[in-house]
């Protein structure tokens, strides 16, 4: 059995403004459902994490996924 892909870097702190984990960029819902998602679903979420964690370009709070 192979390990599931995960962006977790063991810095598990939820930002109160963005509601995203400051370590990996996932929402609490994504973290809770992670082991039940398909590999394709996990990879699709992981493809958005860098943008989620990037500093805002226009002074607004980082975007959050629905």
Protein backbone atom coordinates (compact mmCIF):
# COMPACT_ATOMS: atom_id res chain seq x y z
CA UNK A 1 0.00 0.00 0.00
CA UNK A 2 1.41 3.40 -0.93
CA UNK A 3 1.29 6.52 1.22
CA UNK A 4 -1.31 9.14 0.44
CA UNK A 5 -0.06 12.43 -0.98
CA UNK A 6 -0.19 15.17 1.62
CA UNK A 7 1.02 18.78 1.74
CA UNK A 8 1.23 18.70 5.56
CA UNK A 9 4.48 20.13 6.92
CA UNK A 10 3.51 19.72 10.59
CA UNK A 11 2.80 23.43 11.13
CA UNK A 12 -0.86 23.06 11.99
CA UNK A 13 -2.16 26.54 12.78
CA UNK A 14 -5.39 27.87 11.31
CA UNK A 15 -5.22 31.54 10.35
CA UNK A 16 -8.30 33.26 11.83
CA UNK A 17 -8.70 35.64 8.88
CA UNK A 18 -8.26 33.29 5.93
CA UNK A 19 -9.40 30.09 7.72
CA UNK A 20 -6.48 28.28 6.06
CA UNK A 21 -3.76 26.22 7.71
CA UNK A 22 -0.65 28.39 7.81
CA UNK A 23 1.53 25.35 7.17
CA UNK A 24 -0.16 23.69 4.20
CA UNK A 25 -2.90 26.05 3.02
CA UNK A 26 -5.80 23.63 3.38
CA UNK A 27 -9.14 24.41 5.01
CA UNK A 28 -10.29 22.52 8.09
CA UNK A 29 -12.86 20.73 5.92
CA UNK A 30 -10.16 19.62 3.46
CA UNK A 31 -7.93 18.42 6.30
CA UNK A 32 -10.81 16.46 7.88
CA UNK A 33 -11.78 14.81 4.57
CA UNK A 34 -8.24 14.25 3.28
CA UNK A 35 -8.01 10.49 3.84
CA UNK A 36 -11.40 9.95 2.18
CA UNK A 37 -10.56 11.93 -0.98
CA UNK A 38 -9.32 10.22 -4.11
CA UNK A 39 -5.71 10.77 -5.15
CA UNK A 40 -6.97 12.92 -8.05
CA UNK A 41 -8.97 15.11 -5.65
CA UNK A 42 -5.98 15.48 -3.32
CA UNK A 43 -3.69 16.43 -6.21
CA UNK A 44 -6.23 18.99 -7.49
CA UNK A 45 -6.33 20.66 -4.06
CA UNK A 46 -2.55 20.52 -3.74
CA UNK A 47 -2.24 22.34 -7.08
CA UNK A 48 -4.02 25.37 -5.54
CA UNK A 49 -2.11 25.58 -2.26
CA UNK A 50 0.84 27.68 -3.38
CA UNK A 51 -1.49 30.40 -4.65
CA UNK A 52 -3.58 30.24 -1.47
CA UNK A 53 -0.52 30.80 0.71
CA UNK A 54 1.01 33.53 -1.47
CA UNK A 55 0.94 37.02 -0.02
CA UNK A 56 -1.92 39.04 -1.50
CA UNK A 57 -0.91 41.26 -4.40
CA UNK A 58 -3.55 43.91 -3.85
CA UNK A 59 -3.59 44.25 -0.08
CA UNK A 60 -6.59 41.94 0.38
CA UNK A 61 -6.68 38.82 2.51
CA UNK A 62 -5.63 35.61 0.73
CA UNK A 63 -8.41 33.89 -1.18
CA UNK A 64 -10.08 30.99 0.45
CA UNK A 65 -11.64 28.04 -1.29
CA UNK A 66 -15.32 27.33 -0.94
